[in-house]
C-alpha atoms as a PDB file:
ATOM      1  CA  MET A   1     -55.813 109.850   3.670  1.00  0.00           C
ATOM      2  CA  THR A   2     -52.394 109.643   1.920  1.00  0.00           C
ATOM      3  CA  SER A   3     -51.216 107.135  -0.834  1.00  0.00           C
ATOM      4  CA  GLN A   4     -48.848 105.269   1.577  1.00  0.00           C
ATOM      5  CA  SER A   5     -51.403 104.989   4.194  1.00  0.00           C
ATOM      6  CA  THR A   6     -53.606 103.648   1.189  1.00  0.00           C
ATOM      7  CA  ALA A   7     -50.979 101.462   0.315  1.00  0.00           C
ATOM      8  CA  THR A   8     -50.145  99.886   3.773  1.00  0.00           C
ATOM      9  CA  LEU A   9     -53.856  99.171   4.036  1.00  0.00           C
ATOM     10  CA  ARG A  10     -54.477  97.449   1.226  1.00  0.00           C
ATOM     11  CA  SER A  11     -51.126  95.252   1.653  1.00  0.00           C
ATOM     12  CA  ARG A  12     -52.639  94.083   5.337  1.00  0.00           C
ATOM     13  CA  TYR A  13     -55.956  93.351   3.577  1.00  0.00           C
ATOM     14  CA  ILE A  14     -54.021  91.048   1.185  1.00  0.00           C
ATOM     15  CA  GLU A  15     -52.058  89.287   3.717  1.00  0.00           C
ATOM     16  CA  ARG A  16     -55.302  89.330   6.203  1.00  0.00           C
ATOM     17  CA  ALA A  17     -57.183  87.278   3.177  1.00  0.00           C
ATOM     18  CA  ALA A  18     -54.483  85.385   2.182  1.00  0.00           C
ATOM     19  CA  SER A  19     -53.908  84.009   5.510  1.00  0.00           C
ATOM     20  CA  ASP A  20     -58.052  83.346   5.785  1.00  0.00           C
ATOM     21  CA  LEU A  21     -57.498  81.590   2.277  1.00  0.00           C
ATOM     22  CA  GLU A  22     -54.743  78.932   3.950  1.00  0.00           C
ATOM     23  CA  GLU A  23     -56.745  78.676   6.781  1.00  0.00           C
ATOM     24  CA  ASN A  24     -59.624  77.620   4.602  1.00  0.00           C
ATOM     25  CA  ARG A  25     -58.052  75.394   2.843  1.00  0.00           C
ATOM     26  CA  HIS A  26     -56.663  73.987   5.863  1.00  0.00           C
ATOM     27  CA  GLN A  27     -60.201  73.396   7.323  1.00  0.00           C
ATOM     28  CA  GLN A  28     -61.086  71.956   4.102  1.00  0.00           C
ATOM     29  CA  GLU A  29     -58.479  69.422   4.060  1.00  0.00           C
ATOM     30  CA  GLU A  30     -59.792  68.051   7.780  1.00  0.00           C
ATOM     31  CA  LEU A  31     -63.331  67.932   6.733  1.00  0.00           C
ATOM     32  CA  THR A  32     -62.125  65.523   3.600  1.00  0.00           C
ATOM     33  CA  LYS A  33     -59.945  63.390   6.216  1.00  0.00           C
ATOM     34  CA  ALA A  34     -63.065  63.577   8.372  1.00  0.00           C
ATOM     35  CA  LEU A  35     -65.256  62.296   6.126  1.00  0.00           C
ATOM     36  CA  ALA A  36     -63.057  60.131   4.911  1.00  0.00           C
ATOM     37  CA  ARG A  37     -62.936  58.009   8.688  1.00  0.00           C
ATOM     38  CA  LEU A  38     -66.497  58.531   8.780  1.00  0.00           C
ATOM     39  CA  LYS A  39     -66.941  56.561   5.334  1.00  0.00           C
ATOM     40  CA  HIS A  40     -64.833  54.050   6.603  1.00  0.00           C
ATOM     41  CA  GLU A  41     -66.373  53.605   9.634  1.00  0.00           C
ATOM     42  CA  GLU A  42     -69.107  53.529   8.244  1.00  0.00           C
ATOM     43  CA  ALA A  43     -68.779  50.375   5.951  1.00  0.00           C
ATOM     44  CA  LEU A  44     -67.586  48.633   8.688  1.00  0.00           C
ATOM     45  CA  LEU A  45     -70.498  49.143  10.547  1.00  0.00           C
ATOM     46  CA  VAL A  46     -72.930  48.213   7.476  1.00  0.00           C
ATOM     47  CA  ASP A  47     -70.463  45.122   7.142  1.00  0.00           C
ATOM     48  CA  ILE A  48     -70.525  44.510  10.664  1.00  0.00           C
ATOM     49  CA  LEU A  49     -74.553  44.164  10.685  1.00  0.00           C
ATOM     50  CA  SER A  50     -74.616  42.341   7.820  1.00  0.00           C
ATOM     51  CA  LEU A  51     -72.069  39.401   9.309  1.00  0.00           C
ATOM     52  CA  ALA A  52     -74.413  40.159  12.578  1.00  0.00           C
ATOM     53  CA  GLU A  53     -77.663  39.512  10.334  1.00  0.00           C
ATOM     54  CA  ARG A  54     -76.056  36.455   8.372  1.00  0.00           C
ATOM     55  CA  HIS A  55     -74.894  34.722  10.938  1.00  0.00           C
ATOM     56  CA  GLU A  56     -78.497  35.200  12.735  1.00  0.00           C
ATOM     57  CA  GLY A  57     -80.118  33.917  10.512  1.00  0.00           C
ATOM     58  CA  LEU A  58     -78.069  30.411   9.883  1.00  0.00           C
ATOM     59  CA  HIS A  59     -77.883  29.968  13.569  1.00  0.00           C
ATOM     60  CA  VAL A  60     -81.762  30.095  13.702  1.00  0.00           C
ATOM     61  CA  ALA A  61     -81.994  28.073  10.510  1.00  0.00           C
ATOM     62  CA  ALA A  62     -79.584  25.434  12.225  1.00  0.00           C
ATOM     63  CA  GLU A  63     -81.613  25.257  15.301  1.00  0.00           C
ATOM     64  CA  SER A  64     -84.942  24.394  13.646  1.00  0.00           C
ATOM     65  CA  SER A  65     -83.621  22.405  11.101  1.00  0.00           C
ATOM     66  CA  ALA A  66     -81.929  19.867  13.949  1.00  0.00           C
ATOM     67  CA  GLN A  67     -85.079  20.212  15.943  1.00  0.00           C
ATOM     68  CA  GLU A  68     -87.195  18.981  13.113  1.00  0.00           C
ATOM     69  CA  ARG A  69     -84.841  16.098  12.269  1.00  0.00           C
ATOM     70  CA  SER A  70     -84.532  14.870  15.893  1.00  0.00           C
ATOM     71  CA  GLY A  71     -88.120  15.141  16.167  1.00  0.00           C
ATOM     72  CA  THR A  72     -88.392  17.705  18.971  1.00  0.00           C
ATOM     73  CA  HIS A  73     -90.667  20.234  16.553  1.00  0.00           C
ATOM     74  CA  VAL A  74     -93.381  20.941  17.992  1.00  0.00           C
ATOM     75  CA  PRO A  75     -96.832  21.277  15.215  1.00  0.00           C
ATOM     76  CA  ALA A  76     -98.741  24.294  15.512  1.00  0.00           C
ATOM     77  CA  GLY A  77    -101.975  23.707  18.225  1.00  0.00           C
ATOM     78  CA  ARG A  78    -100.105  20.793  20.144  1.00  0.00           C
ATOM     79  CA  PRO A  79     -99.123  21.387  24.103  1.00  0.00           C
ATOM     80  CA  ALA A  80     -95.499  20.844  24.040  1.00  0.00           C
ATOM     81  CA  GLN A  81     -93.902  17.601  25.580  1.00  0.00           C
ATOM     82  CA  PRO A  82     -90.954  17.352  27.770  1.00  0.00           C
ATOM     83  CA  PRO A  83     -88.358  15.898  26.013  1.00  0.00           C
ATOM     84  CA  SER A  84     -86.539  13.153  27.279  1.00  0.00           C
ATOM     85  CA  GLN A  85     -82.777  12.979  28.549  1.00  0.00           C
ATOM     86  CA  GLN A  86     -81.730  11.014  25.219  1.00  0.00           C
ATOM     87  CA  THR A  87     -83.277  13.303  22.993  1.00  0.00           C
ATOM     88  CA  THR A  88     -82.232  16.268  24.489  1.00  0.00           C
ATOM     89  CA  ARG A  89     -78.725  15.177  23.911  1.00  0.00           C
ATOM     90  CA  ARG A  90     -79.082  13.640  20.652  1.00  0.00           C
ATOM     91  CA  SER A  91     -80.695  17.132  19.347  1.00  0.00           C
ATOM     92  CA  ALA A  92     -78.097  19.044  20.943  1.00  0.00           C
ATOM     93  CA  HIS A  93     -75.639  17.336  19.537  1.00  0.00           C
ATOM     94  CA  LEU A  94     -77.027  17.296  15.762  1.00  0.00           C
ATOM     95  CA  ARG A  95     -77.452  21.108  16.296  1.00  0.00           C
ATOM     96  CA  GLU A  96     -73.532  21.230  17.233  1.00  0.00           C
ATOM     97  CA  ARG A  97     -72.768  19.429  14.127  1.00  0.00           C
ATOM     98  CA  ARG A  98     -74.884  21.602  12.073  1.00  0.00           C
ATOM     99  CA  LEU A  99     -73.581  25.443  13.504  1.00  0.00           C
ATOM    100  CA  LYS A 100     -70.505  23.920  13.160  1.00  0.00           C
ATOM    101  CA  ARG A 101     -70.838  23.384   9.308  1.00  0.00           C
ATOM    102  CA  VAL A 102     -72.655  26.177   8.480  1.00  0.00           C
ATOM    103  CA  LEU A 103     -69.931  28.162  10.324  1.00  0.00           C
ATOM    104  CA  ALA A 104     -67.305  26.578   8.428  1.00  0.00           C
ATOM    105  CA  GLU A 105     -69.664  27.532   5.248  1.00  0.00           C
ATOM    106  CA  SER A 106     -70.424  30.911   5.644  1.00  0.00           C
ATOM    107  CA  GLY A 107     -66.091  31.357   6.921  1.00  0.00           C
ATOM    108  CA  ALA A 108     -65.301  29.993   3.348  1.00  0.00           C
ATOM    109  CA  LYS A 109     -67.848  32.963   1.878  1.00  0.00           C
ATOM    110  CA  GLY A 110     -66.413  35.124   3.669  1.00  0.00           C
ATOM    111  CA  LYS A 111     -62.486  34.499   2.455  1.00  0.00           C
ATOM    112  CA  SER A 112     -63.820  34.979  -1.358  1.00  0.00           C
ATOM    113  CA  ARG A 113     -65.102  38.717  -0.739  1.00  0.00           C
ATOM    114  CA  GLN A 114     -62.940  41.231  -2.211  1.00  0.00           C
ATOM    115  CA  PRO A 115     -60.289  42.772   0.147  1.00  0.00           C
ATOM    116  CA  LEU A 116     -60.929  46.407   1.679  1.00  0.00           C
ATOM    117  CA  LEU A 117     -58.769  48.798   0.584  1.00  0.00           C
ATOM    118  CA  GLY A 118     -57.045  49.504   4.260  1.00  0.00           C
ATOM    119  CA  GLU A 119     -56.492  45.380   3.809  1.00  0.00           C
ATOM    120  CA  ILE A 120     -54.488  45.780   0.936  1.00  0.00           C
ATOM    121  CA  LEU A 121     -52.753  48.998   2.477  1.00  0.00           C
ATOM    122  CA  THR A 122     -52.058  46.871   5.555  1.00  0.00           C
ATOM    123  CA  ALA A 123     -50.465  43.955   3.874  1.00  0.00           C
ATOM    124  CA  LEU A 124     -48.546  46.103   1.594  1.00  0.00           C
ATOM    125  CA  LEU A 125     -46.622  48.035   4.206  1.00  0.00           C
ATOM    126  CA  GLY A 126     -46.415  44.764   6.198  1.00  0.00           C
ATOM    127  CA  ALA A 127     -44.292  43.419   2.983  1.00  0.00           C
ATOM    128  CA  GLN A 128     -41.355  45.382   3.526  1.00  0.00           C
ATOM    129  CA  SER A 129     -39.764  46.992   6.726  1.00  0.00           C
ATOM    130  CA  GLU A 130     -39.053  50.161   5.071  1.00  0.00           C
ATOM    131  CA  PRO A 131     -41.003  53.469   4.886  1.00  0.00           C
ATOM    132  CA  ARG A 132     -42.785  53.993   1.917  1.00  0.00           C
ATOM    133  CA  LEU A 133     -44.555  56.874   0.506  1.00  0.00           C
ATOM    134  CA  ALA A 134     -48.145  56.703   0.095  1.00  0.00           C
ATOM    135  CA  LYS A 135     -47.613  57.783  -3.737  1.00  0.00           C
ATOM    136  CA  GLU A 136     -45.641  54.577  -3.972  1.00  0.00           C
ATOM    137  CA  LEU A 137     -48.106  52.298  -2.402  1.00  0.00           C
ATOM    138  CA  HIS A 138     -50.882  53.776  -4.868  1.00  0.00           C
ATOM    139  CA  ALA A 139     -48.596  52.536  -7.694  1.00  0.00           C
ATOM    140  CA  GLU A 140     -47.703  49.445  -6.153  1.00  0.00           C
ATOM    141  CA  LEU A 141     -51.856  48.643  -5.281  1.00  0.00           C
ATOM    142  CA  THR A 142     -52.622  49.508  -8.840  1.00  0.00           C
ATOM    143  CA  ALA A 143     -50.019  47.203 -10.372  1.00  0.00           C
ATOM    144  CA  LYS A 144     -50.948  44.360  -8.465  1.00  0.00           C
ATOM    145  CA  HIS A 145     -54.850  44.996  -8.172  1.00  0.00           C
ATOM    146  CA  PRO A 146     -55.479  46.522 -11.819  1.00  0.00           C
ATOM    147  CA  ASP A 147     -59.362  45.852 -10.857  1.00  0.00           C
ATOM    148  CA  ARG A 148     -58.803  48.343  -7.969  1.00  0.00           C
ATOM    149  CA  SER A 149     -58.837  52.266  -8.753  1.00  0.00           C
ATOM    150  CA  PRO A 150     -58.605  54.946  -5.598  1.00  0.00           C
ATOM    151  CA  THR A 151     -57.478  57.867  -6.442  1.00  0.00           C
ATOM    152  CA  PRO A 152     -54.179  58.866  -4.410  1.00  0.00           C
ATOM    153  CA  GLN A 153     -55.699  61.063  -2.081  1.00  0.00           C
ATOM    154  CA  VAL A 154     -58.407  58.098  -1.442  1.00  0.00           C
ATOM    155  CA  VAL A 155     -54.924  55.970  -0.880  1.00  0.00           C
ATOM    156  CA  ARG A 156     -53.163  59.156   1.558  1.00  0.00           C
ATOM    157  CA  ASN A 157     -57.150  59.311   3.593  1.00  0.00           C
ATOM    158  CA  THR A 158     -57.087  55.693   4.151  1.00  0.00           C
ATOM    159  CA  LEU A 159     -53.648  55.702   5.106  1.00  0.00           C
ATOM    160  CA  GLU A 160     -54.356  58.627   8.017  1.00  0.00           C
ATOM    161  CA  SER A 161     -57.358  56.868   8.644  1.00  0.00           C
ATOM    162  CA  LEU A 162     -54.852  53.669   9.719  1.00  0.00           C
ATOM    163  CA  VAL A 163     -52.893  55.808  11.539  1.00  0.00           C
ATOM    164  CA  ALA A 164     -55.753  57.178  13.377  1.00  0.00           C
ATOM    165  CA  LYS A 165     -56.626  53.430  14.415  1.00  0.00           C
ATOM    166  CA  GLY A 166     -53.017  53.298  15.388  1.00  0.00           C
ATOM    167  CA  GLN A 167     -52.300  49.969  12.598  1.00  0.00           C
ATOM    168  CA  VAL A 168     -49.844  52.145  10.604  1.00  0.00           C
ATOM    169  CA  GLN A 169     -47.352  54.526  11.578  1.00  0.00           C
ATOM    170  CA  ARG A 170     -46.183  57.867   9.960  1.00  0.00           C
ATOM    171  CA  HIS A 171     -42.789  59.417   9.218  1.00  0.00           C
ATOM    172  CA  LYS A 172     -41.899  62.494   8.335  1.00  0.00           C
ATOM    173  CA  GLN A 173     -38.408  62.369   6.652  1.00  0.00           C
ATOM    174  CA  GLN A 174     -37.895  66.262   5.419  1.00  0.00           C
ATOM    175  CA  ARG A 175     -41.100  67.078   3.609  1.00  0.00           C
ATOM    176  CA  SER A 176     -42.142  63.854   2.908  1.00  0.00           C
ATOM    177  CA  VAL A 177     -44.328  61.692   4.696  1.00  0.00           C
ATOM    178  CA  MET A 178     -44.014  58.244   4.989  1.00  0.00           C
ATOM    179  CA  TYR A 179     -45.901  55.029   6.388  1.00  0.00           C
ATOM    180  CA  THR A 180     -44.751  52.029   8.248  1.00  0.00           C
ATOM    181  CA  LEU A 181     -46.677  48.818   9.781  1.00  0.00           C
ATOM    182  CA  ALA A 182     -47.077  49.686  13.712  1.00  0.00           C
ATOM    183  CA  ASP A 183     -44.834  47.396  16.166  1.00  0.00           C
ATOM    184  CA  ASP A 184     -48.284  45.632  16.773  1.00  0.00           C
ATOM    185  CA  ALA A 185     -49.646  45.231  13.768  1.00  0.00           C
ATOM    186  CA  HIS A 186     -46.943  43.042  12.143  1.00  0.00           C
ATOM    187  CA  GLY A 187     -48.978  39.475  13.631  1.00  0.00           C
ATOM    188  CA  GLY A 188     -51.349  39.999  10.444  1.00  0.00           C
ATOM    189  CA  VAL A 189     -54.271  42.325   8.892  1.00  0.00           C
ATOM    190  CA  PRO A 190     -56.614  43.091  11.532  1.00  0.00           C
ATOM    191  CA  ALA A 191     -60.122  42.156  11.228  1.00  0.00           C
ATOM    192  CA  GLU A 192     -61.425  45.210  10.084  1.00  0.00           C
ATOM    193  CA  GLU A 193     -59.483  47.414   8.416  1.00  0.00           C
ATOM    194  CA  GLY A 194     -61.457  46.931   6.028  1.00  0.00           C
ATOM    195  CA  ASP A 195     -60.544  50.473   5.869  1.00  0.00           C
ATOM    196  CA  ALA A 196     -63.772  49.846   4.455  1.00  0.00           C
ATOM    197  CA  VAL A 197     -65.464  50.899   1.508  1.00  0.00           C
ATOM    198  CA  VAL A 198     -63.631  54.101   0.476  1.00  0.00           C
ATOM    199  CA  ALA A 199     -65.768  55.763  -2.079  1.00  0.00           C
ATOM    200  CA  GLY A 200     -63.373  55.578  -5.751  1.00  0.00           C
ATOM    201  CA  GLY A 201     -61.143  52.412  -3.844  1.00  0.00           C
END
């Protein structure tokens, strides 16, 4: 094998290795984004289950309390007696009032929760109509919410997750990637973007 053919072969190996390395890094980036989306969805599902269990418990407690106050609670060992029409109406009225109060209190508690990273980013994008860079949003987020310290990569991943959900639009200007709030999302911050609690955010 001549020195020229050896050099050509080495050059091909180097090119192939460089190409494989680029593909490897690209796949790692895609997996990182996919993992961020899955973690985001996991956090949303946990929040949904937690809220559902809380409301279910409050609903059962409200019904039990209403039955006791209306005198329709049947002690163990006694056969149930059919309630009169008046007692039934009173029980339903009390149960409705109690449930409204419980839901109102629950809603007030829900408002005091810490906003999710996706909700904050959506609000920042909604405050301006111009496309924003991820690093600009990261800087504004850390300035307005000093208690939050997500990395720039986490902010980018969250923005991409919002893009995948149709809540945010991605724009490419030359070599920069910028984001704006999706047209149908200007009505307010969606209930979920909750992006989720993302690690580091």
